[in-house]
Protein backbone atom coordinates (compact mmCIF):
# COMPACT_ATOMS: atom_id res chain seq x y z
CA MET A 1 74.40 133.07 190.90
CA GLY A 2 71.10 134.28 189.55
CA THR A 3 69.43 135.05 186.22
CA LEU A 4 67.40 138.06 185.23
CA LYS A 5 65.77 139.62 182.22
CA THR A 6 66.30 143.23 181.19
CA THR A 7 66.08 145.42 178.10
CA VAL A 8 68.71 147.71 176.58
CA ALA A 9 68.02 149.81 173.46
CA ASP A 10 64.78 147.84 172.94
CA VAL A 11 66.71 144.55 172.97
CA PRO A 12 65.55 141.94 175.50
CA LEU A 13 68.47 140.32 177.32
CA THR A 14 68.60 137.21 179.48
CA VAL A 15 71.46 137.56 181.95
CA GLY A 16 73.39 135.12 184.09
CA THR A 17 74.87 137.03 187.00
CA PRO A 18 77.89 135.62 188.82
CA ASP A 19 78.31 135.58 192.56
CA HIS A 20 80.01 138.86 193.49
CA ALA A 21 82.58 136.89 195.44
CA VAL A 22 83.94 135.30 192.27
CA ALA A 23 83.03 137.89 189.64
CA LEU A 24 85.96 138.44 187.28
CA GLY A 25 85.03 141.79 185.75
CA LYS A 26 84.71 139.85 182.50
CA ALA A 27 81.63 139.13 180.40
CA VAL A 28 80.57 136.73 177.66
CA ILE A 29 77.77 137.45 175.19
CA VAL A 30 75.97 134.19 174.38
CA LEU A 31 74.56 134.02 170.86
CA GLN A 32 71.61 131.75 170.27
CA GLU A 33 71.06 128.71 168.13
CA ALA A 34 68.48 128.76 165.35
CA TRP A 35 65.93 127.69 167.99
CA GLY A 36 66.31 130.99 169.85
CA ILE A 37 66.72 131.56 173.58
CA ASN A 38 65.87 128.10 174.89
CA ALA A 39 66.83 125.79 177.75
CA HIS A 40 70.23 125.02 176.22
CA ILE A 41 71.19 128.69 175.89
CA GLU A 42 69.98 129.39 179.42
CA SER A 43 72.12 126.50 180.68
CA ILE A 44 75.16 128.08 179.01
CA LEU A 45 74.42 131.35 180.82
CA THR A 46 74.34 129.44 184.11
CA ARG A 47 77.61 127.61 183.40
CA LEU A 48 79.39 130.83 182.52
CA ALA A 49 78.02 132.66 185.56
CA ASP A 50 79.08 129.76 187.78
CA ALA A 51 82.59 130.23 186.34
CA GLY A 52 82.52 133.92 187.34
CA TYR A 53 81.56 135.55 184.05
CA LEU A 54 78.70 137.96 183.53
CA ALA A 55 76.78 136.13 180.77
CA VAL A 56 74.33 137.97 178.51
CA ALA A 57 72.13 136.54 175.75
CA PRO A 58 70.44 139.05 173.43
CA HIS A 59 67.13 137.81 171.99
CA LEU A 60 67.91 138.07 168.29
CA TYR A 61 64.34 137.17 167.31
CA HIS A 62 62.76 139.94 169.37
CA ARG A 63 61.40 141.77 166.33
CA GLY A 64 59.14 138.82 165.55
CA SER A 65 56.26 137.25 167.45
CA HIS A 66 58.37 134.53 169.10
CA THR A 67 61.87 134.45 170.62
CA SER A 68 62.18 130.65 170.48
CA PHE A 69 60.93 127.78 168.34
CA SER A 70 60.58 124.01 168.56
CA ASP A 71 60.03 123.30 164.84
CA PHE A 72 62.72 123.92 162.26
CA PRO A 73 60.59 125.49 159.47
CA SER A 74 59.50 128.29 161.83
CA ALA A 75 63.03 128.68 163.21
CA LYS A 76 64.48 128.86 159.70
CA GLU A 77 61.98 131.52 158.68
CA ALA A 78 62.93 133.63 161.70
CA LEU A 79 66.64 133.04 161.11
CA MET A 80 66.49 134.11 157.49
CA ALA A 81 64.55 137.26 158.41
CA LEU A 82 67.58 138.55 160.34
CA ASN A 83 70.02 141.03 158.82
CA SER A 84 73.43 142.38 159.71
CA LYS A 85 72.13 145.78 160.83
CA ASP A 86 69.71 144.31 163.36
CA ILE A 87 72.16 141.66 164.56
CA GLY A 88 74.83 144.31 165.05
CA HIS A 89 72.40 146.52 166.97
CA ASP A 90 71.46 143.64 169.29
CA VAL A 91 75.05 142.59 169.96
CA ARG A 92 76.07 146.19 170.66
CA ALA A 93 73.19 146.50 173.12
CA ALA A 94 74.50 143.42 174.95
CA VAL A 95 78.03 144.90 174.93
CA ALA A 96 76.69 148.16 176.35
CA TYR A 97 74.95 146.29 179.15
CA CYS A 98 78.13 144.38 179.99
CA LYS A 99 80.11 147.61 180.18
CA SER A 100 77.44 149.26 182.33
CA GLU A 101 77.83 146.35 184.77
CA GLY A 102 81.58 146.91 185.02
CA ALA A 103 82.96 144.39 182.54
CA ASP A 104 86.45 145.34 181.40
CA THR A 105 86.72 142.69 178.69
CA ILE A 106 83.95 141.00 176.74
CA GLY A 107 83.88 137.79 174.72
CA SER A 108 81.24 136.16 172.55
CA LEU A 109 80.18 132.52 172.46
CA GLY A 110 77.81 131.36 169.75
CA PHE A 111 76.13 128.13 168.71
CA CYS A 112 74.80 127.17 165.28
CA MET A 113 73.66 130.46 163.66
CA GLY A 114 75.00 132.24 166.73
CA GLY A 115 78.36 130.68 165.98
CA THR A 116 78.37 132.49 162.65
CA VAL A 117 77.52 135.72 164.45
CA SER A 118 80.30 135.13 166.98
CA LEU A 119 82.85 134.74 164.18
CA TRP A 120 81.58 138.00 162.68
CA CYS A 121 81.99 139.64 166.09
CA ALA A 122 85.68 138.71 165.99
CA ALA A 123 86.12 140.16 162.52
CA GLU A 124 84.38 143.49 163.11
CA PRO A 125 85.41 143.42 166.01
CA LEU A 126 82.58 143.87 168.50
CA VAL A 127 84.27 141.88 171.28
CA ASP A 128 87.74 141.10 172.66
CA ALA A 129 87.69 137.37 171.88
CA ALA A 130 85.16 134.97 170.35
CA VAL A 131 84.21 131.30 170.26
CA THR A 132 82.11 129.52 167.63
CA TYR A 133 80.40 126.16 167.94
CA TYR A 134 79.44 124.71 164.54
CA GLY A 135 78.54 128.05 162.98
CA GLY A 136 77.23 127.55 159.46
CA ALA A 137 77.54 129.66 156.33
CA VAL A 138 81.21 128.71 156.10
CA THR A 139 81.53 128.84 152.31
CA GLU A 140 78.54 131.04 151.40
CA SER A 141 77.13 134.12 153.11
CA ARG A 142 73.79 133.74 154.88
CA TRP A 143 73.01 137.41 155.61
CA ASP A 144 73.77 140.55 153.63
CA GLY A 145 76.61 142.40 155.32
CA ILE A 146 78.02 139.29 157.01
CA PRO A 147 80.49 137.47 154.73
CA ALA A 148 80.95 133.71 154.60
CA GLY A 149 82.81 132.19 157.52
CA SER A 150 85.93 131.46 155.48
CA GLU A 151 86.13 135.17 154.58
CA LEU A 152 85.50 136.28 158.15
CA ALA A 153 88.25 133.99 159.42
CA ALA A 154 90.70 135.80 157.17
CA GLN A 155 89.60 139.15 158.61
CA LEU A 156 89.93 138.41 162.34
CA LYS A 157 90.85 141.33 164.58
CA VAL A 158 90.78 139.42 167.88
CA PRO A 159 91.47 135.79 168.94
CA TRP A 160 88.86 133.29 167.79
CA LEU A 161 88.27 129.61 168.60
CA GLY A 162 86.07 127.44 166.38
CA HIS A 163 84.63 123.99 167.23
CA TYR A 164 83.33 121.75 164.43
CA GLY A 165 82.11 118.14 164.31
CA ASP A 166 83.31 115.94 161.49
CA LEU A 167 79.89 114.24 161.30
CA ASP A 168 78.05 117.50 160.66
CA PRO A 169 76.53 117.18 157.15
CA SER A 170 75.85 120.92 156.99
CA ILE A 171 79.52 121.80 157.65
CA PRO A 172 81.64 118.97 156.19
CA PRO A 173 85.31 118.66 157.12
CA GLU A 174 86.43 119.97 153.72
CA SER A 175 84.56 123.23 154.42
CA VAL A 176 86.20 123.48 157.83
CA GLU A 177 89.61 122.95 156.26
CA GLN A 178 88.85 125.62 153.68
CA LEU A 179 88.12 127.98 156.54
CA ARG A 180 91.30 126.93 158.34
CA SER A 181 93.42 127.49 155.23
CA ARG A 182 92.16 131.05 154.89
CA ALA A 183 92.13 131.92 158.58
CA SER A 184 94.49 134.44 160.13
CA GLU A 185 96.97 133.54 162.84
CA LEU A 186 94.40 134.68 165.39
CA ALA A 187 92.30 131.58 164.63
CA ASN A 188 92.28 128.25 166.46
CA VAL A 189 90.17 125.65 164.63
CA ARG A 190 89.25 122.41 166.40
CA ARG A 191 87.58 119.35 164.86
CA TYR A 192 85.83 116.51 166.69
CA SER A 193 85.81 113.20 164.83
CA ASP A 194 82.85 111.59 166.62
CA ALA A 195 80.57 114.62 166.77
CA GLY A 196 78.01 116.21 164.49
CA HIS A 197 76.01 119.41 164.47
CA ALA A 198 74.66 120.57 167.85
CA PHE A 199 77.03 118.23 169.69
CA ASN A 200 77.09 120.55 172.70
CA ASN A 201 73.30 120.63 173.12
CA ASP A 202 72.43 118.18 175.89
CA THR A 203 68.71 118.56 175.11
CA SER A 204 69.28 117.24 171.57
CA SER A 205 69.67 113.74 170.17
CA HIS A 206 72.90 115.02 168.57
CA TYR A 207 74.55 115.56 171.96
CA ALA A 208 78.06 114.06 172.07
CA PRO A 209 79.17 114.29 175.72
CA GLU A 210 82.87 113.56 175.24
CA ALA A 211 83.27 116.13 172.47
CA ALA A 212 81.12 118.61 174.40
CA ASP A 213 83.24 118.25 177.54
CA LEU A 214 86.49 118.64 175.62
CA ALA A 215 85.21 121.64 173.66
CA TRP A 216 83.95 123.31 176.84
CA SER A 217 87.29 122.86 178.62
CA ARG A 218 89.04 124.38 175.60
CA THR A 219 86.55 127.25 175.59
CA MET A 220 87.16 128.00 179.26
CA GLU A 221 90.93 127.86 178.76
CA PHE A 222 90.61 130.18 175.77
CA PHE A 223 88.58 132.77 177.65
CA ALA A 224 90.93 132.56 180.64
CA LYS A 225 93.79 133.51 178.33
CA THR A 226 92.08 136.10 176.13
CA LEU A 227 89.69 137.98 178.42
């Protein structure tokens, strides 16, 4: 397995390439946290590639001066500068790259703000299946052209799996249940009682290893069934 950087339609991509001996002809687009393309996102690319998936992360902040941040005020400014047109362009560029590399089916896997984008990808749809980890904007829209998560969940066109921590103050359980109540039959919503926001990020103080391991196993089972 190796990683590389390339550009498609002016969109920088970081790619995790599986060993040809185990390549599945399947790809997963990895959608960044608010922090951008950082060590955590790169580790996800490696894990997916090790499992045999072509893994591609579009740099959603590429129109700005930085593609990653370590302080939240700067990250939030970059996040809020995004819009549905640019996000859609970047995801489609990643899809095009996956197809050019021989992927027959393509999923999306997003964390934090990328989780919101991944849910949108399932509603458009831009992919064949999608997974969200603690994607915000559940009850209110964050970007023009991308409805609130509870609306997107009602509009699903492909299977979608959502992971949410009950201790996440930004996405309380009542918001998750509102989403679940509106979601189509293509949705599978999972809650984790001892986890908060960013529980999958092992570089963060919010890392919850038991919830992260369980959510990852469910994610891999989901992609094995849907891609």
